[in-house]
N, C-alpha and C. Protein backbone atom coordinates (compact mmCIF):
# COMPACT_ATOMS: atom_id res chain seq x y z
N MET A 1 95.96 58.04 69.72
CA MET A 1 95.38 56.84 70.26
C MET A 1 94.33 57.28 71.27
N GLY A 2 93.09 57.16 70.91
CA GLY A 2 92.01 57.50 71.82
C GLY A 2 91.55 56.25 72.53
N THR A 3 91.76 56.20 73.83
CA THR A 3 91.35 55.02 74.58
C THR A 3 90.81 55.43 75.93
N LYS A 4 89.67 54.88 76.29
CA LYS A 4 89.05 55.20 77.57
C LYS A 4 89.25 54.09 78.57
N GLY A 5 89.57 52.93 78.10
CA GLY A 5 89.70 51.79 79.01
C GLY A 5 91.11 51.25 79.00
N GLY A 6 91.25 50.09 79.59
CA GLY A 6 92.54 49.43 79.60
C GLY A 6 93.47 49.96 80.68
N ASP A 7 94.68 49.49 80.62
CA ASP A 7 95.71 49.83 81.59
C ASP A 7 96.52 51.00 81.03
N ARG A 8 96.20 52.22 81.48
CA ARG A 8 96.82 53.43 80.94
C ARG A 8 98.34 53.41 81.09
N GLU A 9 98.83 52.96 82.25
CA GLU A 9 100.29 52.91 82.46
C GLU A 9 100.95 51.97 81.46
N ARG A 10 100.29 50.86 81.19
CA ARG A 10 100.83 49.89 80.23
C ARG A 10 100.86 50.49 78.82
N VAL A 11 99.81 51.23 78.46
CA VAL A 11 99.77 51.88 77.15
C VAL A 11 100.94 52.85 77.02
N TYR A 12 101.14 53.70 78.03
CA TYR A 12 102.25 54.66 77.99
C TYR A 12 103.59 53.94 77.91
N LYS A 13 103.76 52.90 78.71
CA LYS A 13 105.03 52.16 78.73
C LYS A 13 105.29 51.52 77.37
N THR A 14 104.27 50.91 76.80
CA THR A 14 104.42 50.26 75.49
C THR A 14 104.84 51.28 74.42
N VAL A 15 104.18 52.44 74.41
CA VAL A 15 104.51 53.47 73.43
C VAL A 15 105.92 54.00 73.68
N LYS A 16 106.24 54.26 74.94
CA LYS A 16 107.57 54.79 75.27
C LYS A 16 108.66 53.79 74.87
N ASP A 17 108.45 52.53 75.20
CA ASP A 17 109.44 51.50 74.88
C ASP A 17 109.57 51.29 73.37
N SER A 18 108.52 51.60 72.62
CA SER A 18 108.54 51.45 71.16
C SER A 18 109.26 52.61 70.49
N ASN A 19 109.50 53.69 71.24
CA ASN A 19 110.20 54.86 70.73
C ASN A 19 109.52 55.48 69.51
N VAL A 20 108.17 55.49 69.55
CA VAL A 20 107.40 56.10 68.47
C VAL A 20 106.75 57.38 68.99
N TYR A 21 106.28 58.19 68.07
CA TYR A 21 105.53 59.38 68.42
C TYR A 21 104.06 59.00 68.57
N ALA A 22 103.39 59.59 69.56
CA ALA A 22 101.97 59.27 69.76
C ALA A 22 101.26 60.39 70.51
N VAL A 23 99.98 60.53 70.21
CA VAL A 23 99.07 61.32 71.02
C VAL A 23 98.17 60.31 71.72
N ILE A 24 98.20 60.33 73.03
CA ILE A 24 97.38 59.41 73.82
C ILE A 24 96.43 60.24 74.66
N SER A 25 95.15 59.97 74.51
CA SER A 25 94.16 60.77 75.22
C SER A 25 92.89 59.95 75.44
N PRO A 26 92.28 60.07 76.63
CA PRO A 26 91.02 59.38 76.85
C PRO A 26 89.86 60.05 76.10
N GLN A 27 90.05 61.28 75.68
CA GLN A 27 89.02 62.03 74.95
C GLN A 27 89.70 62.69 73.75
N MET A 28 89.27 62.34 72.54
CA MET A 28 89.90 62.89 71.34
C MET A 28 89.16 64.10 70.78
N GLY A 29 87.93 64.32 71.16
CA GLY A 29 87.17 65.46 70.64
C GLY A 29 87.77 66.77 71.15
N LYS A 30 88.40 67.54 70.26
CA LYS A 30 89.16 68.71 70.70
C LYS A 30 88.30 69.75 71.42
N GLN A 31 87.06 69.92 71.00
CA GLN A 31 86.21 70.90 71.67
C GLN A 31 85.84 70.44 73.07
N VAL A 32 85.61 69.14 73.23
CA VAL A 32 85.33 68.59 74.56
C VAL A 32 86.57 68.69 75.44
N VAL A 33 87.73 68.42 74.86
CA VAL A 33 89.00 68.55 75.60
C VAL A 33 89.19 70.00 76.06
N ALA A 34 88.88 70.95 75.20
CA ALA A 34 89.00 72.37 75.56
C ALA A 34 88.05 72.72 76.70
N PHE A 35 86.82 72.21 76.64
CA PHE A 35 85.85 72.43 77.72
C PHE A 35 86.37 71.85 79.03
N LEU A 36 86.90 70.63 78.99
CA LEU A 36 87.44 70.01 80.19
C LEU A 36 88.62 70.81 80.75
N ALA A 37 89.48 71.30 79.86
CA ALA A 37 90.62 72.11 80.30
C ALA A 37 90.14 73.39 80.98
N ALA A 38 89.11 74.02 80.42
CA ALA A 38 88.56 75.24 81.03
C ALA A 38 87.97 74.93 82.41
N MET A 39 87.29 73.79 82.53
CA MET A 39 86.74 73.38 83.83
C MET A 39 87.86 73.15 84.85
N GLU A 40 88.95 72.53 84.41
CA GLU A 40 90.07 72.27 85.31
C GLU A 40 90.73 73.57 85.76
N ILE A 41 90.86 74.53 84.85
CA ILE A 41 91.42 75.83 85.22
C ILE A 41 90.51 76.51 86.25
N MET A 42 89.21 76.49 86.00
CA MET A 42 88.25 77.09 86.94
C MET A 42 88.34 76.41 88.31
N ALA A 43 88.43 75.09 88.32
CA ALA A 43 88.49 74.34 89.58
C ALA A 43 89.76 74.68 90.37
N LYS A 44 90.87 74.87 89.69
CA LYS A 44 92.13 75.20 90.36
C LYS A 44 92.14 76.63 90.87
N GLN A 45 91.55 77.55 90.12
CA GLN A 45 91.64 78.96 90.47
C GLN A 45 90.53 79.45 91.40
N PHE A 46 89.42 78.73 91.44
CA PHE A 46 88.27 79.22 92.21
C PHE A 46 87.72 78.16 93.16
N LEU A 47 88.62 77.55 93.92
CA LEU A 47 88.23 76.51 94.87
C LEU A 47 87.04 76.96 95.70
N GLY A 48 86.03 76.11 95.80
CA GLY A 48 84.89 76.39 96.65
C GLY A 48 83.90 77.39 96.11
N ALA A 49 84.06 77.86 94.89
CA ALA A 49 83.18 78.91 94.36
C ALA A 49 81.71 78.50 94.30
N PHE A 50 81.44 77.20 94.25
CA PHE A 50 80.06 76.71 94.19
C PHE A 50 79.69 75.93 95.46
N SER A 51 80.35 76.25 96.56
CA SER A 51 80.04 75.57 97.83
C SER A 51 78.56 75.73 98.15
N GLY A 52 77.95 74.62 98.55
CA GLY A 52 76.55 74.64 98.91
C GLY A 52 75.60 74.42 97.75
N TYR A 53 76.09 74.56 96.53
CA TYR A 53 75.24 74.34 95.37
C TYR A 53 74.93 72.85 95.22
N SER A 54 73.78 72.55 94.69
CA SER A 54 73.45 71.16 94.36
C SER A 54 73.74 70.95 92.89
N LEU A 55 74.00 69.71 92.53
CA LEU A 55 74.34 69.37 91.16
C LEU A 55 73.48 68.21 90.68
N GLN A 56 72.95 68.35 89.50
CA GLN A 56 72.26 67.26 88.81
C GLN A 56 73.06 66.97 87.54
N VAL A 57 73.31 65.70 87.28
CA VAL A 57 74.05 65.31 86.09
C VAL A 57 73.24 64.27 85.33
N MET A 58 73.10 64.50 84.05
CA MET A 58 72.43 63.55 83.17
C MET A 58 73.36 63.28 82.00
N GLU A 59 73.48 62.01 81.65
CA GLU A 59 74.23 61.68 80.44
C GLU A 59 73.51 60.58 79.68
N SER A 60 73.64 60.66 78.37
CA SER A 60 73.03 59.68 77.48
C SER A 60 74.07 59.27 76.45
N HIS A 61 74.23 57.98 76.32
CA HIS A 61 75.13 57.40 75.32
C HIS A 61 74.42 56.25 74.64
N GLN A 62 75.00 55.78 73.55
CA GLN A 62 74.44 54.61 72.88
C GLN A 62 74.28 53.48 73.89
N ALA A 63 73.29 52.65 73.67
CA ALA A 63 72.92 51.59 74.62
C ALA A 63 74.07 50.64 74.92
N SER A 64 75.03 50.52 74.00
CA SER A 64 76.15 49.60 74.23
C SER A 64 77.16 50.12 75.25
N LYS A 65 77.12 51.41 75.57
CA LYS A 65 78.02 51.98 76.57
C LYS A 65 77.36 51.89 77.93
N LEU A 66 77.89 51.04 78.77
CA LEU A 66 77.24 50.76 80.04
C LEU A 66 77.86 51.52 81.22
N ASP A 67 79.07 52.01 81.06
CA ASP A 67 79.74 52.67 82.17
C ASP A 67 79.56 54.19 82.12
N ILE A 68 79.88 54.84 83.22
CA ILE A 68 79.85 56.30 83.28
C ILE A 68 81.03 56.82 82.47
N SER A 69 80.80 57.84 81.70
CA SER A 69 81.87 58.35 80.83
C SER A 69 82.99 59.01 81.63
N GLY A 70 84.19 58.90 81.08
CA GLY A 70 85.33 59.58 81.69
C GLY A 70 85.16 61.08 81.66
N THR A 71 84.47 61.57 80.64
CA THR A 71 84.20 63.01 80.54
C THR A 71 83.36 63.46 81.72
N ALA A 72 82.27 62.75 82.01
CA ALA A 72 81.41 63.12 83.14
C ALA A 72 82.19 63.04 84.45
N LYS A 73 83.00 62.01 84.61
CA LYS A 73 83.80 61.87 85.84
C LYS A 73 84.74 63.06 86.00
N ALA A 74 85.38 63.48 84.91
CA ALA A 74 86.31 64.61 84.97
C ALA A 74 85.60 65.91 85.31
N VAL A 75 84.44 66.16 84.69
CA VAL A 75 83.69 67.39 84.96
C VAL A 75 83.20 67.38 86.41
N ILE A 76 82.70 66.27 86.87
CA ILE A 76 82.22 66.17 88.26
C ILE A 76 83.37 66.40 89.24
N SER A 77 84.53 65.87 88.94
CA SER A 77 85.71 66.11 89.79
C SER A 77 86.00 67.60 89.91
N CYS A 78 85.85 68.33 88.82
CA CYS A 78 86.06 69.79 88.85
C CYS A 78 85.00 70.45 89.73
N PHE A 79 83.75 70.05 89.58
CA PHE A 79 82.69 70.63 90.41
C PHE A 79 82.93 70.33 91.89
N GLN A 80 83.44 69.14 92.18
CA GLN A 80 83.75 68.81 93.57
C GLN A 80 84.82 69.75 94.13
N LYS A 81 85.82 70.06 93.34
CA LYS A 81 86.86 71.01 93.76
C LYS A 81 86.28 72.41 93.94
N LEU A 82 85.22 72.69 93.20
CA LEU A 82 84.55 73.98 93.31
C LEU A 82 83.59 74.02 94.50
N GLY A 83 83.53 72.93 95.25
CA GLY A 83 82.76 72.92 96.48
C GLY A 83 81.45 72.17 96.45
N VAL A 84 81.15 71.50 95.34
CA VAL A 84 79.89 70.79 95.20
C VAL A 84 80.04 69.37 95.74
N SER A 85 79.08 68.95 96.54
CA SER A 85 79.05 67.58 97.04
C SER A 85 78.25 66.74 96.06
N PHE A 86 78.90 65.73 95.47
CA PHE A 86 78.22 64.90 94.46
C PHE A 86 78.94 63.57 94.36
N GLU A 87 78.18 62.51 94.26
CA GLU A 87 78.73 61.17 94.09
C GLU A 87 78.34 60.63 92.72
N LEU A 88 79.19 59.81 92.14
CA LEU A 88 78.95 59.30 90.79
C LEU A 88 77.65 58.51 90.67
N ASP A 89 77.23 57.87 91.76
CA ASP A 89 75.98 57.10 91.67
C ASP A 89 74.74 57.99 91.59
N GLN A 90 74.93 59.31 91.67
CA GLN A 90 73.82 60.25 91.51
C GLN A 90 73.58 60.62 90.04
N ILE A 91 74.46 60.20 89.15
CA ILE A 91 74.31 60.52 87.73
C ILE A 91 73.07 59.81 87.19
N GLN A 92 72.28 60.56 86.45
CA GLN A 92 71.12 59.98 85.78
C GLN A 92 71.59 59.54 84.39
N GLN A 93 71.70 58.24 84.20
CA GLN A 93 72.12 57.71 82.91
C GLN A 93 70.88 57.30 82.12
N ILE A 94 70.75 57.87 80.94
CA ILE A 94 69.62 57.55 80.06
C ILE A 94 70.13 56.61 78.97
N GLN A 95 69.68 55.36 79.02
CA GLN A 95 70.16 54.39 78.05
C GLN A 95 69.04 53.77 77.21
N ASP A 96 67.82 54.02 77.59
CA ASP A 96 66.69 53.51 76.84
C ASP A 96 66.50 54.36 75.58
N PRO A 97 66.57 53.76 74.39
CA PRO A 97 66.46 54.54 73.15
C PRO A 97 65.20 55.40 73.06
N LYS A 98 64.08 54.92 73.55
CA LYS A 98 62.85 55.72 73.49
C LYS A 98 63.01 56.99 74.33
N GLN A 99 63.56 56.84 75.53
CA GLN A 99 63.79 58.01 76.39
C GLN A 99 64.85 58.94 75.79
N GLN A 100 65.86 58.36 75.15
CA GLN A 100 66.90 59.17 74.54
C GLN A 100 66.33 60.10 73.48
N VAL A 101 65.37 59.58 72.72
CA VAL A 101 64.73 60.38 71.68
C VAL A 101 63.74 61.37 72.30
N GLU A 102 62.84 60.88 73.14
CA GLU A 102 61.74 61.71 73.66
C GLU A 102 62.16 62.66 74.76
N MET A 103 63.02 62.22 75.67
CA MET A 103 63.37 63.02 76.84
C MET A 103 64.64 63.85 76.64
N VAL A 104 65.62 63.24 75.98
CA VAL A 104 66.93 63.88 75.84
C VAL A 104 67.04 64.67 74.54
N GLY A 105 66.34 64.22 73.50
CA GLY A 105 66.39 64.92 72.21
C GLY A 105 67.38 64.36 71.23
N VAL A 106 67.81 63.12 71.43
CA VAL A 106 68.74 62.49 70.50
C VAL A 106 67.96 62.14 69.22
N LEU A 107 68.51 62.51 68.09
CA LEU A 107 67.90 62.14 66.81
C LEU A 107 68.08 60.63 66.60
N GLU A 108 67.06 59.99 66.05
CA GLU A 108 67.08 58.53 65.90
C GLU A 108 68.31 58.03 65.15
N GLU A 109 68.77 58.78 64.16
CA GLU A 109 69.93 58.31 63.38
C GLU A 109 71.23 58.30 64.19
N TYR A 110 71.22 58.91 65.39
CA TYR A 110 72.42 58.94 66.23
C TYR A 110 72.29 58.08 67.49
N LEU A 111 71.25 57.27 67.57
CA LEU A 111 71.09 56.42 68.75
C LEU A 111 72.27 55.48 68.96
N ASN A 112 72.93 55.06 67.89
CA ASN A 112 74.07 54.15 68.00
C ASN A 112 75.40 54.87 68.14
N GLY A 113 75.38 56.18 68.23
CA GLY A 113 76.62 56.93 68.38
C GLY A 113 76.36 58.36 68.82
N HIS A 114 76.25 58.56 70.13
CA HIS A 114 76.04 59.91 70.65
C HIS A 114 76.59 60.01 72.07
N ALA A 115 76.80 61.23 72.51
CA ALA A 115 77.25 61.50 73.88
C ALA A 115 76.64 62.84 74.30
N PHE A 116 75.59 62.78 75.09
CA PHE A 116 74.92 63.98 75.59
C PHE A 116 75.20 64.08 77.08
N HIS A 117 75.65 65.26 77.52
CA HIS A 117 75.94 65.50 78.94
C HIS A 117 75.30 66.81 79.37
N MET A 118 74.65 66.80 80.53
CA MET A 118 74.06 68.02 81.10
C MET A 118 74.44 68.08 82.57
N TYR A 119 74.92 69.24 82.99
CA TYR A 119 75.29 69.50 84.38
C TYR A 119 74.49 70.73 84.82
N HIS A 120 73.67 70.56 85.83
CA HIS A 120 72.81 71.65 86.29
C HIS A 120 73.12 71.92 87.77
N LEU A 121 73.57 73.15 88.03
CA LEU A 121 73.89 73.59 89.40
C LEU A 121 72.80 74.52 89.90
N THR A 122 72.44 74.37 91.18
CA THR A 122 71.42 75.24 91.79
C THR A 122 71.92 75.71 93.14
N SER A 123 71.76 77.01 93.39
CA SER A 123 72.19 77.59 94.67
C SER A 123 71.35 77.02 95.82
N PRO A 124 71.88 77.12 97.05
CA PRO A 124 71.15 76.58 98.20
C PRO A 124 69.73 77.13 98.34
N ASP A 125 69.54 78.42 98.01
CA ASP A 125 68.20 79.00 98.13
C ASP A 125 67.39 78.89 96.83
N GLN A 126 67.95 78.21 95.84
CA GLN A 126 67.33 77.94 94.55
C GLN A 126 67.00 79.21 93.74
N THR A 127 67.74 80.29 93.99
CA THR A 127 67.52 81.53 93.23
C THR A 127 68.51 81.71 92.09
N VAL A 128 69.54 80.85 92.06
CA VAL A 128 70.58 80.95 91.03
C VAL A 128 70.81 79.56 90.45
N SER A 129 70.92 79.49 89.12
CA SER A 129 71.24 78.20 88.51
C SER A 129 72.20 78.39 87.35
N PHE A 130 72.98 77.37 87.10
CA PHE A 130 73.93 77.33 86.00
C PHE A 130 73.75 76.01 85.28
N GLU A 131 73.88 76.04 83.96
CA GLU A 131 73.84 74.79 83.19
C GLU A 131 75.02 74.74 82.23
N PHE A 132 75.64 73.59 82.21
CA PHE A 132 76.69 73.29 81.26
C PHE A 132 76.21 72.08 80.49
N GLN A 133 76.28 72.15 79.18
CA GLN A 133 75.78 71.04 78.37
C GLN A 133 76.67 70.88 77.15
N HIS A 134 76.97 69.64 76.81
CA HIS A 134 77.65 69.37 75.55
C HIS A 134 77.07 68.09 74.97
N ASN A 135 76.66 68.19 73.72
CA ASN A 135 76.01 67.09 73.03
C ASN A 135 76.77 66.76 71.75
N VAL A 136 77.08 65.50 71.58
CA VAL A 136 77.79 65.04 70.39
C VAL A 136 76.92 64.00 69.69
N CYS A 137 76.64 64.25 68.42
CA CYS A 137 75.91 63.30 67.58
C CYS A 137 76.89 62.75 66.56
N GLY A 138 77.02 61.44 66.51
CA GLY A 138 77.91 60.82 65.55
C GLY A 138 79.34 60.79 66.03
N ARG A 139 80.24 60.58 65.08
CA ARG A 139 81.65 60.39 65.41
C ARG A 139 82.58 61.42 64.75
N SER A 140 81.99 62.37 64.03
CA SER A 140 82.83 63.29 63.25
C SER A 140 83.77 64.12 64.12
N ILE A 141 83.34 64.52 65.32
CA ILE A 141 84.20 65.32 66.20
C ILE A 141 85.48 64.55 66.53
N TYR A 142 85.36 63.24 66.70
CA TYR A 142 86.53 62.42 67.04
C TYR A 142 87.42 62.22 65.82
N ALA A 143 86.80 62.01 64.66
CA ALA A 143 87.57 61.82 63.44
C ALA A 143 88.33 63.10 63.07
N GLU A 144 87.66 64.24 63.12
CA GLU A 144 88.31 65.51 62.78
C GLU A 144 89.45 65.81 63.74
N SER A 145 89.23 65.56 65.01
CA SER A 145 90.28 65.82 66.01
C SER A 145 91.45 64.87 65.85
N THR A 146 91.17 63.64 65.44
CA THR A 146 92.25 62.67 65.20
C THR A 146 93.09 63.11 64.01
N VAL A 147 92.47 63.69 63.00
CA VAL A 147 93.23 64.24 61.86
C VAL A 147 94.13 65.36 62.36
N ASP A 148 93.60 66.26 63.20
CA ASP A 148 94.43 67.34 63.76
C ASP A 148 95.60 66.76 64.57
N ALA A 149 95.34 65.72 65.34
CA ALA A 149 96.40 65.10 66.14
C ALA A 149 97.46 64.47 65.23
N THR A 150 97.02 63.89 64.12
CA THR A 150 97.95 63.28 63.17
C THR A 150 98.83 64.33 62.50
N ILE A 151 98.23 65.44 62.12
CA ILE A 151 99.00 66.55 61.53
C ILE A 151 100.00 67.08 62.55
N PHE A 152 99.56 67.24 63.79
CA PHE A 152 100.42 67.68 64.89
C PHE A 152 101.62 66.74 65.02
N LEU A 153 101.36 65.43 65.05
CA LEU A 153 102.45 64.45 65.18
C LEU A 153 103.39 64.49 63.99
N ALA A 154 102.84 64.64 62.80
CA ALA A 154 103.69 64.71 61.59
C ALA A 154 104.68 65.87 61.70
N LYS A 155 104.21 67.00 62.22
CA LYS A 155 105.09 68.17 62.39
C LYS A 155 106.16 67.89 63.45
N LYS A 156 105.78 67.19 64.51
CA LYS A 156 106.75 66.84 65.56
C LYS A 156 107.81 65.90 65.02
N ILE A 157 107.39 64.93 64.23
CA ILE A 157 108.33 63.98 63.63
C ILE A 157 109.27 64.71 62.67
N GLN A 158 108.68 65.57 61.83
CA GLN A 158 109.47 66.32 60.84
C GLN A 158 110.51 67.21 61.51
N SER A 159 110.16 67.78 62.67
CA SER A 159 111.10 68.67 63.36
C SER A 159 112.08 67.89 64.24
N GLY A 160 111.88 66.59 64.36
CA GLY A 160 112.77 65.78 65.20
C GLY A 160 112.60 66.07 66.68
N ALA A 161 111.39 66.39 67.09
CA ALA A 161 111.12 66.73 68.50
C ALA A 161 111.61 65.63 69.43
N GLU A 162 112.21 66.05 70.52
CA GLU A 162 112.72 65.09 71.50
C GLU A 162 111.56 64.39 72.23
N GLN A 163 110.55 65.18 72.61
CA GLN A 163 109.38 64.59 73.26
C GLN A 163 108.63 63.74 72.24
N ARG A 164 108.16 62.58 72.67
CA ARG A 164 107.50 61.68 71.73
C ARG A 164 106.05 61.38 72.10
N ILE A 165 105.68 61.52 73.35
CA ILE A 165 104.31 61.22 73.77
C ILE A 165 103.61 62.52 74.14
N TYR A 166 102.44 62.72 73.55
CA TYR A 166 101.66 63.93 73.74
C TYR A 166 100.22 63.56 74.10
N ASN A 167 99.44 64.59 74.46
CA ASN A 167 98.00 64.38 74.67
C ASN A 167 97.25 65.45 73.88
N MET A 168 95.93 65.42 73.95
CA MET A 168 95.15 66.37 73.16
C MET A 168 95.30 67.81 73.65
N ILE A 169 95.64 68.00 74.90
CA ILE A 169 95.92 69.37 75.39
C ILE A 169 97.13 69.93 74.63
N ASP A 170 98.14 69.11 74.41
CA ASP A 170 99.30 69.55 73.64
C ASP A 170 98.89 69.95 72.22
N VAL A 171 98.01 69.17 71.63
CA VAL A 171 97.52 69.48 70.28
C VAL A 171 96.79 70.83 70.29
N LEU A 172 95.93 71.03 71.29
CA LEU A 172 95.18 72.29 71.38
C LEU A 172 96.12 73.48 71.59
N ARG A 173 97.10 73.32 72.45
CA ARG A 173 98.03 74.42 72.74
C ARG A 173 98.84 74.83 71.51
N GLU A 174 99.14 73.87 70.68
CA GLU A 174 99.92 74.15 69.47
C GLU A 174 99.13 75.00 68.49
N GLY A 175 97.80 74.88 68.52
CA GLY A 175 96.96 75.64 67.59
C GLY A 175 97.03 75.07 66.19
N ASN A 176 96.79 75.89 65.21
CA ASN A 176 96.88 75.48 63.80
C ASN A 176 95.97 74.31 63.45
N MET A 177 94.81 74.26 64.10
CA MET A 177 93.88 73.18 63.76
C MET A 177 92.97 73.62 62.63
N ARG A 178 92.42 72.64 61.98
CA ARG A 178 91.54 72.92 60.85
C ARG A 178 90.22 73.45 61.34
């Protein structure tokens, strides 16, 4: 169940009370989940490593998505733990289709379904920079990862696993993905 909105506690309670097996995750794209997990590990192990660095964040999504992505919020939270001062209202959101094509590089056929994120860090003296970028065109990453999650759940059901609610990190840790 990939869901970014709604009442997360209610979703978990409903699934738990239903006594069914489920993978619940705000991000279903396994490669994006792996990137987020790596960022979280770095943030926990290297607190303050980027203190004093400035951060620029740009994201582009289909015009119908009006809010800041949960992915960007999670990555920014990691950078904040790494010592970067940054507020969500500093994110440059590109929602104009013409700019998405010309400035961001989104192919026209993906204007209605894309997620481009760029994080650019610069040292205080501007002699060092780092860039992290992940671009998704279309929906295949989510579909493929949902198939992996379904296979994962089928194995859990077949083995009679006591735990019933999982997330995409659990799917990644299990391995055996296509």
